[in-house]
């Protein structure tokens, strides 16, 4: 029976190099631990862009400190709560998220959301590569007085993308080790920055700022949450090595806790910085302001550690993007698939740094559209998860007509219909710098809830449509003794 080319690959779960592709992880190799998710999602959020986004809540959204605090708490709980819930599919099926998605959309139907998500990752990886390159340029300027130029931009971008490719190519074990140590280092220096800001900030000016509108506060939650939403399809990628008996509640808790412990202080720090330096919210370079606001003995090591964090973010994204590319039928290894994203992020990164006139404007527009694109998949996949307790490993890897997930012509029309209609509905409510849907001025549009509307439309429509029936036998039950627990 023809399977994906990656199926022949195995996994060295005790070594550094992971060679497993899309194929589900056998139960005897599921040696992961739930607590390893905490540093994974800490590392996924170590980005100085959170400082810029926190500043934007003050400057662009007009919020006060307490409203920013509410946004910084609500956004990671909401977005990474969804990441954690969808991650449960990883322990049920033992496969990457976009491979499990074949069971929902069909072997051919999955190509459509898969292609959109893969393209969206190009943008996310480009943003991270650019931010990492700016961090390198800022450190060079602070230490040696070296000013940015086109040649140096190319060199720093190439260096960052190459390091990203190497780390992501090693696989899950390398990412876990790097995530753990970057969590310790970044946490220690973040505390140092917080202490410095607490001692040198004009708190009377911070608390004197008037409150903004509720609409801008809700929109702010959506903006910050968009980063987490983009990780949802990747959630199962990092839980597929967990045993089936792993606690679902603990998985969600570790995911939300790991993300929240970074997002909350970073967004608040950016907001506090913006009170005295409002220009940082609209700077073309989203990193150099750190060297202006903090003394060198703090800013340089902080930027170096943040650079490692951004490297890990991109490595995690490329790690998942490699799986997504394989689900599209690209007959290459995961490492080769990752290299495609690396080249794309290098080219697009150069254009963003040299040609684009507004980094933050491009970034916010991208986040808004990214959230809508991913939310259509989330609504359909999430409802399917409520109905499904296990996945047929053989059917997932069989891309021929004999697959139980072939459905009708390779498509699950119910899932495809719900996904397409929801995607269109979300765009109708969406407004960015260069695009505005006809319903963008509605209450949903004004509050930046196009992504939320997308999830609701996708989920409701998929729930009411007739349930997709697998070709052949029904979905197999879970092996005996593998009932999942939900206690934390």
Protein backbone atom coordinates (compact mmCIF):
# COMPACT_ATOMS: atom_id res chain seq x y z
CA UNK A 1 0.00 0.00 0.00
CA UNK A 2 1.66 3.32 -1.05
CA UNK A 3 2.42 5.62 1.84
CA UNK A 4 4.16 8.99 2.23
CA UNK A 5 7.89 8.88 1.53
CA UNK A 6 8.64 9.98 5.08
CA UNK A 7 7.03 6.88 6.58
CA UNK A 8 10.17 4.83 6.17
CA UNK A 9 12.02 7.17 8.50
CA UNK A 10 12.36 6.28 12.13
CA UNK A 11 12.98 8.36 15.21
CA UNK A 12 15.92 8.28 17.54
CA UNK A 13 14.00 9.32 20.59
CA UNK A 14 17.03 9.01 22.87
CA UNK A 15 19.46 10.89 20.62
CA UNK A 16 19.71 14.45 19.43
CA UNK A 17 18.73 13.93 15.82
CA UNK A 18 15.09 13.18 15.04
CA UNK A 19 14.48 11.46 11.71
CA UNK A 20 10.79 10.64 12.09
CA UNK A 21 8.50 12.26 9.56
CA UNK A 22 4.70 12.32 9.44
CA UNK A 23 4.17 8.74 10.56
CA UNK A 24 2.48 8.34 13.98
CA UNK A 25 4.73 7.59 16.95
CA UNK A 26 4.34 4.02 18.27
CA UNK A 27 3.15 3.71 21.86
CA UNK A 28 6.46 2.23 23.02
CA UNK A 29 8.30 5.37 21.86
CA UNK A 30 5.98 7.81 23.61
CA UNK A 31 8.34 8.70 26.44
CA UNK A 32 7.68 12.44 26.59
CA UNK A 33 6.51 14.20 29.74
CA UNK A 34 3.82 16.84 30.07
CA UNK A 35 6.10 19.17 32.05
CA UNK A 36 8.34 19.48 28.98
CA UNK A 37 5.59 21.53 27.34
CA UNK A 38 6.13 24.40 29.78
CA UNK A 39 9.62 25.43 28.57
CA UNK A 40 8.57 24.69 24.99
CA UNK A 41 5.88 27.39 25.11
CA UNK A 42 8.09 29.73 27.10
CA UNK A 43 10.63 29.54 24.29
CA UNK A 44 7.90 30.04 21.69
CA UNK A 45 7.23 33.50 23.13
CA UNK A 46 10.70 34.84 23.80
CA UNK A 47 10.47 37.73 21.37
CA UNK A 48 11.12 41.43 21.83
CA UNK A 49 8.18 41.99 19.47
CA UNK A 50 5.98 41.55 22.53
CA UNK A 51 7.54 44.75 23.90
CA UNK A 52 6.61 46.60 20.72
CA UNK A 53 3.10 45.16 20.81
CA UNK A 54 2.70 46.20 24.44
CA UNK A 55 3.79 49.71 23.48
CA UNK A 56 1.23 49.69 20.68
CA UNK A 57 -1.55 49.06 23.20
CA UNK A 58 -0.64 52.37 24.83
CA UNK A 59 0.12 54.44 21.74
CA UNK A 60 -2.28 53.12 19.09
CA UNK A 61 -5.08 51.58 21.17
CA UNK A 62 -5.02 54.35 23.78
CA UNK A 63 -5.27 51.98 26.75
CA UNK A 64 -4.12 52.67 30.29
CA UNK A 65 -1.93 50.43 32.45
CA UNK A 66 -4.79 48.43 33.99
CA UNK A 67 -6.39 47.78 30.61
CA UNK A 68 -3.05 46.58 29.25
CA UNK A 69 -2.77 44.28 32.26
CA UNK A 70 -6.19 42.81 31.47
CA UNK A 71 -5.19 42.32 27.82
CA UNK A 72 -1.88 40.72 28.79
CA UNK A 73 -3.69 38.20 31.00
CA UNK A 74 -6.64 37.43 28.71
CA UNK A 75 -4.73 37.05 25.42
CA UNK A 76 -2.43 34.12 26.36
CA UNK A 77 -5.16 32.36 28.36
CA UNK A 78 -7.49 32.52 25.36
CA UNK A 79 -5.06 31.75 22.54
CA UNK A 80 -2.81 29.22 24.26
CA UNK A 81 -5.83 27.63 25.89
CA UNK A 82 -6.89 26.77 22.33
CA UNK A 83 -3.35 25.60 21.54
CA UNK A 84 -3.46 23.29 24.56
CA UNK A 85 -6.87 21.88 23.71
CA UNK A 86 -5.93 21.11 20.10
CA UNK A 87 -2.66 19.61 21.35
CA UNK A 88 -4.70 16.80 22.91
CA UNK A 89 -5.11 15.43 19.37
CA UNK A 90 -1.34 14.88 19.30
CA UNK A 91 -1.38 12.35 22.12
CA UNK A 92 -4.47 10.67 20.67
CA UNK A 93 -3.01 10.22 17.20
CA UNK A 94 0.74 10.46 17.79
CA UNK A 95 1.18 12.47 14.58
CA UNK A 96 1.76 16.14 13.62
CA UNK A 97 -1.28 18.39 13.52
CA UNK A 98 -1.52 18.72 9.75
CA UNK A 99 -1.18 14.96 9.33
CA UNK A 100 -4.08 14.42 11.75
CA UNK A 101 -5.97 17.01 9.73
CA UNK A 102 -6.19 14.45 6.90
CA UNK A 103 -8.74 12.56 8.98
CA UNK A 104 -10.92 15.69 9.05
CA UNK A 105 -10.63 17.12 5.53
CA UNK A 106 -9.73 14.02 3.52
CA UNK A 107 -6.42 13.14 1.89
CA UNK A 108 -6.94 15.64 -0.96
CA UNK A 109 -9.09 18.14 0.91
CA UNK A 110 -6.36 18.65 3.51
CA UNK A 111 -4.14 20.14 0.81
CA UNK A 112 -6.21 23.35 0.82
CA UNK A 113 -5.96 24.40 4.50
CA UNK A 114 -2.47 22.88 4.56
CA UNK A 115 -1.27 25.07 1.70
CA UNK A 116 -2.75 28.19 3.29
CA UNK A 117 -1.16 27.44 6.66
CA UNK A 118 2.18 26.68 5.02
CA UNK A 119 2.16 30.00 3.16
CA UNK A 120 1.15 31.82 6.35
CA UNK A 121 4.18 30.34 8.09
CA UNK A 122 6.40 32.00 5.51
CA UNK A 123 5.25 35.35 6.83
CA UNK A 124 5.67 34.37 10.47
CA UNK A 125 9.17 33.02 9.88
CA UNK A 126 10.06 36.15 7.91
CA UNK A 127 8.95 38.40 10.78
CA UNK A 128 11.01 36.37 13.26
CA UNK A 129 14.06 36.34 10.99
CA UNK A 130 13.88 40.10 10.55
CA UNK A 131 13.52 40.70 14.29
CA UNK A 132 16.47 38.40 14.97
CA UNK A 133 18.59 40.21 12.39
CA UNK A 134 17.69 43.56 13.95
CA UNK A 135 18.78 42.19 17.34
CA UNK A 136 22.19 41.24 15.91
CA UNK A 137 22.55 44.65 14.27
CA UNK A 138 21.66 46.41 17.53
CA UNK A 139 24.23 44.40 19.52
CA UNK A 140 26.92 45.19 16.92
CA UNK A 141 26.05 48.87 17.14
CA UNK A 142 26.10 48.93 20.95
CA UNK A 143 29.36 47.03 21.32
CA UNK A 144 31.38 48.14 18.31
CA UNK A 145 29.57 51.14 16.84
CA UNK A 146 28.95 49.26 13.59
CA UNK A 147 26.09 50.88 11.69
CA UNK A 148 23.57 48.94 9.63
CA UNK A 149 23.97 48.76 5.86
CA UNK A 150 22.61 46.55 3.08
CA UNK A 151 25.54 44.12 3.12
CA UNK A 152 25.36 43.73 6.89
CA UNK A 153 21.58 43.16 6.69
CA UNK A 154 22.13 40.30 4.24
CA UNK A 155 24.87 38.77 6.39
CA UNK A 156 22.87 38.93 9.65
CA UNK A 157 19.75 37.56 7.98
CA UNK A 158 21.73 34.71 6.46
CA UNK A 159 23.36 33.93 9.80
CA UNK A 160 20.05 33.91 11.66
CA UNK A 161 18.22 31.78 9.08
CA UNK A 162 21.12 29.30 8.87
CA UNK A 163 21.13 28.81 12.64
CA UNK A 164 17.36 28.39 12.56
CA UNK A 165 17.64 25.71 9.90
CA UNK A 166 20.29 23.80 11.83
CA UNK A 167 18.34 23.74 15.10
CA UNK A 168 14.99 22.89 13.52
CA UNK A 169 16.61 20.17 11.45
CA UNK A 170 17.84 18.39 14.58
CA UNK A 171 14.26 17.81 15.70
CA UNK A 172 12.18 17.66 18.85
CA UNK A 173 14.91 16.64 21.31
CA UNK A 174 17.23 19.49 20.37
CA UNK A 175 14.34 21.93 20.65
CA UNK A 176 13.51 20.65 24.12
CA UNK A 177 17.07 21.09 25.39
CA UNK A 178 17.44 24.57 23.90
CA UNK A 179 14.02 25.58 25.21
CA UNK A 180 14.88 24.58 28.78
CA UNK A 181 18.09 26.57 28.99
CA UNK A 182 16.77 29.62 27.15
CA UNK A 183 13.86 29.65 29.62
CA UNK A 184 16.24 29.87 32.58
CA UNK A 185 18.45 32.55 31.03
CA UNK A 186 15.67 34.71 29.62
CA UNK A 187 13.72 34.48 32.86
CA UNK A 188 16.67 35.67 34.91
CA UNK A 189 17.41 38.66 32.68
CA UNK A 190 13.73 39.56 32.35
CA UNK A 191 13.57 39.86 36.13
CA UNK A 192 16.63 42.11 35.98
CA UNK A 193 14.96 44.34 33.36
CA UNK A 194 11.77 44.48 35.42
CA UNK A 195 13.72 45.57 38.50
CA UNK A 196 15.51 48.26 36.50
CA UNK A 197 12.26 49.57 35.03
CA UNK A 198 10.56 49.56 38.42
CA UNK A 199 13.35 51.70 39.85
CA UNK A 200 13.66 54.13 36.93
CA UNK A 201 10.09 54.62 35.69
CA UNK A 202 7.92 57.65 36.37
CA UNK A 203 5.02 55.65 37.77
CA UNK A 204 2.87 58.73 38.29
CA UNK A 205 2.90 59.26 34.52
CA UNK A 206 2.14 55.59 33.92
CA UNK A 207 -0.92 55.53 36.19
CA UNK A 208 -2.12 58.97 35.13
CA UNK A 209 -2.90 57.82 31.60
CA UNK A 210 -6.70 57.78 31.01
CA UNK A 211 -8.57 54.63 30.05
CA UNK A 212 -9.26 53.81 26.42
CA UNK A 213 -12.41 52.41 24.87
CA UNK A 214 -13.67 48.88 25.43
CA UNK A 215 -13.52 48.27 21.68
CA UNK A 216 -9.80 49.04 21.59
CA UNK A 217 -9.25 46.80 24.58
CA UNK A 218 -11.01 43.86 22.89
CA UNK A 219 -9.09 44.55 19.68
CA UNK A 220 -5.87 44.56 21.70
CA UNK A 221 -6.66 41.10 23.06
CA UNK A 222 -7.12 39.88 19.49
CA UNK A 223 -3.81 41.40 18.37
CA UNK A 224 -1.79 39.82 21.18
CA UNK A 225 -3.72 36.54 20.90
CA UNK A 226 -3.01 36.26 17.17
CA UNK A 227 0.51 35.09 17.88
CA UNK A 228 -0.82 32.20 19.94
CA UNK A 229 -3.52 31.38 17.40
CA UNK A 230 -0.81 30.85 14.79
CA UNK A 231 0.62 28.02 16.91
CA UNK A 232 -2.64 26.05 17.16
CA UNK A 233 -2.13 23.69 14.17
CA UNK A 234 1.39 23.01 15.49
CA UNK A 235 0.24 22.07 18.99
CA UNK A 236 0.01 18.31 18.26
CA UNK A 237 3.54 18.37 16.80
CA UNK A 238 4.91 18.85 20.32
CA UNK A 239 2.61 16.39 22.12
CA UNK A 240 2.80 13.39 19.79
CA UNK A 241 5.55 11.84 21.93
CA UNK A 242 3.36 11.96 25.06
CA UNK A 243 1.75 8.69 26.21
CA UNK A 244 -1.97 8.34 25.64
CA UNK A 245 -2.53 8.41 29.41
CA UNK A 246 -1.02 11.91 29.79
CA UNK A 247 -3.31 14.33 31.59
CA UNK A 248 -5.19 16.55 29.14
CA UNK A 249 -5.73 19.18 31.81
CA UNK A 250 -2.03 19.27 32.62
CA UNK A 251 -1.23 19.66 28.93
CA UNK A 252 -3.47 22.71 28.65
CA UNK A 253 -2.17 24.13 31.93
CA UNK A 254 1.49 23.74 30.93
CA UNK A 255 0.82 25.34 27.55
CA UNK A 256 -1.02 28.36 28.97
CA UNK A 257 1.39 28.71 31.87
CA UNK A 258 4.50 28.59 29.70
CA UNK A 259 3.17 31.21 27.31
CA UNK A 260 1.57 33.43 29.94
CA UNK A 261 4.66 33.68 32.12
CA UNK A 262 6.41 35.40 29.19
CA UNK A 263 3.58 37.30 27.48
CA UNK A 264 2.31 39.03 30.62
CA UNK A 265 5.55 40.72 31.78
CA UNK A 266 6.79 41.43 28.25
CA UNK A 267 3.59 43.21 27.19
CA UNK A 268 3.52 45.19 30.46
CA UNK A 269 7.19 46.13 30.06
CA UNK A 270 6.50 47.44 26.55
CA UNK A 271 3.54 49.44 27.79
CA UNK A 272 5.57 51.03 30.61
CA UNK A 273 8.41 51.87 28.21
CA UNK A 274 5.95 53.51 25.80
CA UNK A 275 4.79 56.05 28.37
CA UNK A 276 8.20 57.75 28.31
CA UNK A 277 9.18 56.75 24.76
CA UNK A 278 6.02 56.56 22.61
CA UNK A 279 8.03 56.49 19.36
CA UNK A 280 9.07 52.87 19.97
CA UNK A 281 5.58 51.67 19.01
CA UNK A 282 6.03 52.90 15.43
CA UNK A 283 9.78 52.47 14.93
CA UNK A 284 10.90 50.81 11.70
CA UNK A 285 13.45 48.90 13.76
CA UNK A 286 11.53 47.12 16.56
CA UNK A 287 14.67 46.27 18.56
CA UNK A 288 17.15 49.17 18.75
CA UNK A 289 15.03 51.08 21.30
CA UNK A 290 16.12 48.56 23.95
CA UNK A 291 19.66 49.86 23.68
CA UNK A 292 18.34 53.40 24.14
CA UNK A 293 16.18 52.68 27.19
CA UNK A 294 18.41 50.25 29.08
CA UNK A 295 22.09 50.53 30.10
CA UNK A 296 24.52 48.49 28.02
CA UNK A 297 25.27 46.00 30.80
CA UNK A 298 21.61 44.97 30.70
CA UNK A 299 20.65 45.58 27.08
CA UNK A 300 23.43 43.59 25.40
CA UNK A 301 23.05 40.29 27.30
CA UNK A 302 19.26 40.71 27.24
CA UNK A 303 19.28 41.10 23.46
CA UNK A 304 21.63 38.14 23.03
CA UNK A 305 19.34 35.90 25.09
CA UNK A 306 16.27 37.27 23.32
CA UNK A 307 18.05 36.49 20.05
CA UNK A 308 18.39 32.87 21.15
CA UNK A 309 14.67 32.92 21.98
CA UNK A 310 13.72 34.26 18.56
CA UNK A 311 15.96 31.62 17.01
CA UNK A 312 13.99 28.97 18.89
CA UNK A 313 10.65 30.46 17.84
CA UNK A 314 11.66 30.27 14.22
CA UNK A 315 13.11 26.80 14.68
CA UNK A 316 9.83 25.56 16.17
CA UNK A 317 7.87 27.18 13.35
CA UNK A 318 10.12 25.66 10.68
CA UNK A 319 9.99 22.29 12.46
CA UNK A 320 6.20 22.30 12.09
CA UNK A 321 6.34 23.82 8.61
CA UNK A 322 8.40 20.85 7.47
CA UNK A 323 5.56 18.54 8.44
CA UNK A 324 3.02 20.78 6.72
CA UNK A 325 5.04 20.69 3.51
CA UNK A 326 5.13 16.89 3.65
CA UNK A 327 1.35 16.70 4.03
CA UNK A 328 1.07 18.64 0.76
CA UNK A 329 2.66 15.70 -1.04
CA UNK A 330 6.14 17.19 -1.35
CA UNK A 331 8.26 14.02 -1.48
CA UNK A 332 11.23 15.20 0.54
CA UNK A 333 12.53 14.66 4.06
CA UNK A 334 11.44 17.01 6.83
CA UNK A 335 14.90 18.64 6.86
CA UNK A 336 14.68 19.32 3.11
CA UNK A 337 11.18 20.74 3.54
CA UNK A 338 12.50 23.03 6.28
CA UNK A 339 15.19 24.33 3.92
CA UNK A 340 12.49 25.62 1.55
CA UNK A 341 11.03 27.77 4.33
CA UNK A 342 14.52 28.94 5.26
CA UNK A 343 15.19 30.25 1.75
CA UNK A 344 11.77 31.91 1.57
CA UNK A 345 12.21 33.67 4.92
CA UNK A 346 15.63 34.89 3.80
CA UNK A 347 14.26 36.46 0.61
CA UNK A 348 11.15 37.97 2.20
CA UNK A 349 13.18 39.15 5.19
CA UNK A 350 15.50 41.12 2.94
CA UNK A 351 12.52 42.79 1.25
CA UNK A 352 10.96 43.70 4.61
CA UNK A 353 14.18 45.19 6.00
CA UNK A 354 15.30 47.05 2.88
CA UNK A 355 12.13 47.83 0.90
CA UNK A 356 9.18 48.04 3.32
CA UNK A 357 8.52 51.44 4.92
CA UNK A 358 6.73 50.32 8.10
CA UNK A 359 7.70 47.20 9.98
CA UNK A 360 5.09 47.43 12.72
CA UNK A 361 2.29 48.25 10.26
CA UNK A 362 3.20 45.23 8.13
CA UNK A 363 3.47 43.09 11.25
CA UNK A 364 0.05 43.99 12.68
CA UNK A 365 -1.63 43.54 9.28
CA UNK A 366 0.04 40.17 8.94
CA UNK A 367 -1.04 39.06 12.43
CA UNK A 368 -4.64 40.04 11.72
CA UNK A 369 -4.84 38.06 8.49
CA UNK A 370 -2.87 35.18 10.02
CA UNK A 371 -5.42 34.79 12.81
CA UNK A 372 -8.31 34.55 10.33
CA UNK A 373 -6.48 32.05 8.12
CA UNK A 374 -5.72 29.73 11.03
CA UNK A 375 -9.09 30.17 12.75
CA UNK A 376 -11.06 28.55 9.92
CA UNK A 377 -9.04 25.36 10.40
CA UNK A 378 -9.33 25.60 14.21
CA UNK A 379 -13.15 25.70 14.15
CA UNK A 380 -13.48 22.61 11.97
CA UNK A 381 -10.69 20.59 13.58
CA UNK A 382 -11.87 21.49 17.09
CA UNK A 383 -15.41 20.25 16.53
CA UNK A 384 -14.04 17.06 14.96
CA UNK A 385 -11.94 16.50 18.10
CA UNK A 386 -15.09 16.54 20.22
CA UNK A 387 -16.40 13.62 18.16
CA UNK A 388 -13.19 11.64 17.68
CA UNK A 389 -11.12 9.82 20.31
CA UNK A 390 -8.52 8.14 18.10
CA UNK A 391 -6.99 8.16 14.63
CA UNK A 392 -6.30 5.31 12.21
CA UNK A 393 -2.50 5.37 11.83
CA UNK A 394 -2.54 3.38 8.59
CA UNK A 395 -5.24 5.54 7.02
CA UNK A 396 -3.37 8.74 7.92
CA UNK A 397 -0.32 7.66 5.95
CA UNK A 398 -2.18 6.03 3.04
CA UNK A 399 -2.77 8.77 0.45
CA UNK A 400 -4.47 6.47 -2.07
CA UNK A 401 -8.12 5.61 -2.65
CA UNK A 402 -7.81 2.69 -0.21
CA UNK A 403 -7.44 5.06 2.75
CA UNK A 404 -10.27 5.19 5.27
CA UNK A 405 -9.78 8.96 5.10
CA UNK A 406 -10.27 9.18 1.35
CA UNK A 407 -13.99 9.90 1.77
CA UNK A 408 -15.50 11.07 -1.55
CA UNK A 409 -12.85 11.67 -4.18
CA UNK A 410 -10.31 12.44 -1.47
CA UNK A 411 -12.45 15.21 0.05
CA UNK A 412 -14.60 15.48 3.16
CA UNK A 413 -17.03 17.98 1.65
CA UNK A 414 -18.58 18.88 5.02
CA UNK A 415 -15.24 19.99 6.43
CA UNK A 416 -14.23 21.73 3.21
CA UNK A 417 -17.52 23.65 3.04
CA UNK A 418 -17.33 24.80 6.66
CA UNK A 419 -13.68 25.84 6.26
CA UNK A 420 -14.22 27.81 3.05
CA UNK A 421 -17.37 29.60 4.24
CA UNK A 422 -15.77 30.51 7.58
CA UNK A 423 -12.62 31.81 5.89
CA UNK A 424 -14.69 34.09 3.68
CA UNK A 425 -16.84 35.22 6.62
CA UNK A 426 -13.76 36.13 8.64
CA UNK A 427 -12.31 38.24 5.83
CA UNK A 428 -15.60 40.14 5.54
CA UNK A 429 -15.09 41.42 9.12
CA UNK A 430 -11.36 42.10 8.77
CA UNK A 431 -9.56 45.40 8.24
CA UNK A 432 -5.81 45.91 7.75
CA UNK A 433 -3.65 48.64 6.23
CA UNK A 434 -4.26 47.54 2.65
CA UNK A 435 -7.54 45.63 2.86
CA UNK A 436 -10.97 46.14 4.44
CA UNK A 437 -13.89 43.72 4.26
CA UNK A 438 -17.40 45.10 3.65
CA UNK A 439 -18.39 44.29 7.27
CA UNK A 440 -15.23 45.72 8.86
CA UNK A 441 -17.21 48.68 10.26
CA UNK A 442 -19.65 46.37 12.12
CA UNK A 443 -19.37 45.74 15.87
CA UNK A 444 -17.40 42.54 15.22
CA UNK A 445 -15.07 44.31 12.81
CA UNK A 446 -14.55 47.39 14.99
CA UNK A 447 -13.62 45.16 17.93
CA UNK A 448 -11.16 43.14 15.85
CA UNK A 449 -13.11 39.92 16.28
CA UNK A 450 -12.97 38.68 12.70
CA UNK A 451 -10.82 35.72 13.83
CA UNK A 452 -13.32 34.80 16.58
CA UNK A 453 -16.21 34.98 14.11
CA UNK A 454 -14.25 32.67 11.83
CA UNK A 455 -13.90 30.01 14.53
CA UNK A 456 -17.59 30.23 15.45
CA UNK A 457 -18.82 30.03 11.85
CA UNK A 458 -16.49 27.12 11.03
CA UNK A 459 -17.39 25.17 14.16
CA UNK A 460 -21.14 25.70 13.98
CA UNK A 461 -21.40 24.95 10.27
CA UNK A 462 -19.31 21.79 10.56
CA UNK A 463 -21.34 20.67 13.57
CA UNK A 464 -24.71 20.93 11.79
CA UNK A 465 -23.62 19.37 8.50
CA UNK A 466 -24.01 15.57 8.17
CA UNK A 467 -21.13 13.77 9.81
CA UNK A 468 -18.37 12.58 7.47
CA UNK A 469 -18.21 8.80 7.21
CA UNK A 470 -14.88 7.05 6.71
CA UNK A 471 -14.53 4.67 3.79
CA UNK A 472 -14.41 1.12 5.06
CA UNK A 473 -14.56 0.46 8.77
CA UNK A 474 -15.25 2.98 11.51
CA UNK A 475 -12.44 4.77 13.30
CA UNK A 476 -10.76 2.26 15.60
CA UNK A 477 -11.11 2.53 19.33
CA UNK A 478 -8.18 3.41 21.55
CA UNK A 479 -6.06 0.50 22.77
CA UNK A 480 -7.09 -0.97 26.09
CA UNK A 481 -5.76 0.82 29.12
CA UNK A 482 -5.20 4.13 27.31
CA UNK A 483 -8.10 6.15 28.62
CA UNK A 484 -6.96 9.77 28.87
CA UNK A 485 -7.12 11.62 32.15
CA UNK A 486 -8.19 15.22 32.51
CA UNK A 487 -6.99 16.14 35.98
CA UNK A 488 -4.19 18.66 36.38
